[in-house]
Amino acid sequence: MTTMDIGKGVAALCKQGKNQEAIDRFYSPNIESVEPVAMPGMGQTQTGIQTVKKKNQWWVDNHEIHGGTVDGPYPHGDRFILHFKYDVTPKHSGKRMGLDETGLYTVHDGKVVKEEFFYSMDSGDCVAKA
């Protein structure tokens, strides 16, 4: 599969809310995931597919997701970008907010080996406080 094929596959599954399936299908067992800041109870960088799946599940478990969009992929060599917009309510605060996030994905040997996230919100703080 090409980088564009993988990007299209990840985007299609994320649009359907099947992020865990995207991880299972397209991520390397040694995936590295980097957030702009550390999440509660975990570091800024997560390594390994099981750890990344747990981080993704933590996000789902700790946010009420009202809706969202996924745009892209925007390819560049062995990388692609997806642009996510979510309407969420973090359960710790109960304060509804918009999350505007971009993910930069690096592909090697037909698998995503690194994901890096960049985001801002129109209201509030996207990281739950411990």
Protein backbone atom coordinates (compact mmCIF):
# COMPACT_ATOMS: atom_id res chain seq x y z
CA MET A 1 0.00 0.00 0.00
CA THR A 2 1.13 3.54 -0.70
CA THR A 3 1.23 6.29 1.88
CA MET A 4 -1.86 7.80 0.21
CA ASP A 5 -3.71 4.45 0.39
CA ILE A 6 -2.93 4.19 4.10
CA GLY A 7 -3.97 7.80 4.67
CA LYS A 8 -7.28 7.22 2.88
CA GLY A 9 -7.87 4.06 4.92
CA VAL A 10 -7.14 5.73 8.26
CA ALA A 11 -9.33 8.72 7.33
CA ALA A 12 -12.23 6.52 6.20
CA LEU A 13 -12.25 4.52 9.44
CA CYS A 14 -11.89 7.63 11.62
CA LYS A 15 -14.83 9.24 9.79
CA GLN A 16 -16.88 6.22 10.87
CA GLY A 17 -15.68 6.48 14.47
CA LYS A 18 -13.62 3.31 14.05
CA ASN A 19 -10.32 4.67 15.32
CA GLN A 20 -9.39 1.42 17.09
CA GLU A 21 -9.91 -0.49 13.82
CA ALA A 22 -7.65 2.02 12.04
CA ILE A 23 -4.96 1.34 14.64
CA ASP A 24 -5.35 -2.44 14.22
CA ARG A 25 -5.23 -2.29 10.42
CA PHE A 26 -2.69 0.38 9.63
CA TYR A 27 -0.35 0.87 12.60
CA SER A 28 3.02 -0.75 13.20
CA PRO A 29 3.32 -2.83 16.38
CA ASN A 30 6.07 -0.36 17.36
CA ILE A 31 4.01 2.80 16.70
CA GLU A 32 5.10 5.99 18.45
CA SER A 33 2.37 8.51 19.34
CA VAL A 34 3.30 12.04 20.42
CA GLU A 35 0.88 14.55 21.97
CA PRO A 36 1.67 18.24 22.51
CA VAL A 37 1.40 17.67 26.28
CA ALA A 38 1.26 14.70 28.63
CA MET A 39 -2.19 13.26 29.28
CA PRO A 40 -3.34 12.41 32.82
CA GLY A 41 -1.58 9.27 34.00
CA MET A 42 0.53 8.91 30.84
CA GLY A 43 3.51 10.55 29.22
CA GLN A 44 3.58 12.86 26.23
CA THR A 45 4.91 10.01 24.08
CA GLN A 46 3.37 6.54 23.92
CA THR A 47 5.18 3.62 22.27
CA GLY A 48 3.71 0.30 21.11
CA ILE A 49 0.35 -0.53 19.62
CA GLN A 50 -1.26 -1.69 22.88
CA THR A 51 -0.23 1.50 24.67
CA VAL A 52 -1.54 3.65 21.81
CA LYS A 53 -4.83 1.73 21.80
CA LYS A 54 -5.15 2.33 25.57
CA LYS A 55 -4.51 6.06 25.07
CA ASN A 56 -7.17 6.19 22.36
CA GLN A 57 -9.63 4.32 24.59
CA TRP A 58 -8.87 6.68 27.48
CA TRP A 59 -9.81 9.61 25.23
CA VAL A 60 -13.09 7.96 24.19
CA ASP A 61 -13.92 7.01 27.79
CA ASN A 62 -13.23 10.52 29.11
CA HIS A 63 -15.07 12.60 26.50
CA GLU A 64 -18.63 12.76 25.30
CA ILE A 65 -18.28 13.08 21.54
CA HIS A 66 -21.14 15.06 19.99
CA GLY A 67 -19.81 15.02 16.44
CA GLY A 68 -16.80 15.55 14.27
CA THR A 69 -15.20 15.68 10.87
CA VAL A 70 -12.05 14.27 9.31
CA ASP A 71 -10.40 15.92 6.29
CA GLY A 72 -7.51 14.59 4.25
CA PRO A 73 -5.24 12.87 3.76
CA TYR A 74 -2.80 15.50 2.64
CA PRO A 75 0.27 13.50 1.50
CA HIS A 76 3.93 14.49 1.48
CA GLY A 77 6.39 11.68 0.68
CA ASP A 78 6.22 9.08 3.44
CA ARG A 79 3.92 11.28 5.57
CA PHE A 80 0.35 12.48 5.50
CA ILE A 81 -1.80 14.85 7.53
CA LEU A 82 -5.39 14.40 8.69
CA HIS A 83 -7.39 17.32 10.02
CA PHE A 84 -9.92 16.52 12.75
CA LYS A 85 -12.60 18.75 14.20
CA TYR A 86 -14.55 17.47 17.18
CA ASP A 87 -17.41 18.80 19.27
CA VAL A 88 -16.80 17.25 22.70
CA THR A 89 -17.54 17.56 26.37
CA PRO A 90 -14.70 16.40 28.65
CA LYS A 91 -16.37 14.41 31.41
CA HIS A 92 -14.14 15.94 34.10
CA SER A 93 -15.36 19.47 33.41
CA GLY A 94 -18.73 19.08 31.73
CA LYS A 95 -17.79 22.08 29.58
CA ARG A 96 -18.58 21.57 25.90
CA MET A 97 -15.86 22.70 23.50
CA GLY A 98 -14.53 22.48 20.00
CA LEU A 99 -11.32 20.57 19.35
CA ASP A 100 -9.42 21.39 16.16
CA GLU A 101 -6.62 18.86 15.74
CA THR A 102 -4.12 17.94 13.05
CA GLY A 103 -2.33 14.59 12.97
CA LEU A 104 0.95 14.09 11.12
CA TYR A 105 1.48 10.42 10.29
CA THR A 106 4.73 8.82 9.13
CA VAL A 107 4.58 5.57 7.13
CA HIS A 108 7.33 2.97 6.76
CA ASP A 109 7.04 -0.49 5.18
CA GLY A 110 3.28 -0.10 4.69
CA LYS A 111 2.45 0.82 8.30
CA VAL A 112 2.06 4.00 10.32
CA VAL A 113 5.15 4.15 12.53
CA LYS A 114 4.60 7.57 14.09
CA GLU A 115 1.68 9.89 14.76
CA GLU A 116 2.12 13.43 16.06
CA PHE A 117 -0.79 15.62 17.11
CA PHE A 118 -1.17 19.39 17.08
CA TYR A 119 -4.33 21.06 18.36
CA SER A 120 -6.14 24.09 19.70
CA MET A 121 -9.64 24.60 21.08
CA ASP A 122 -12.18 27.37 20.69
CA SER A 123 -13.00 27.02 24.39
CA GLY A 124 -11.43 25.31 27.36
CA ASP A 125 -8.54 22.97 27.78
CA CYS A 126 -8.52 19.69 25.84
CA VAL A 127 -6.41 17.85 28.39
CA ALA A 128 -8.28 16.51 31.38
CA LYS A 129 -6.83 17.62 34.70
CA ALA A 130 -5.92 14.82 37.06
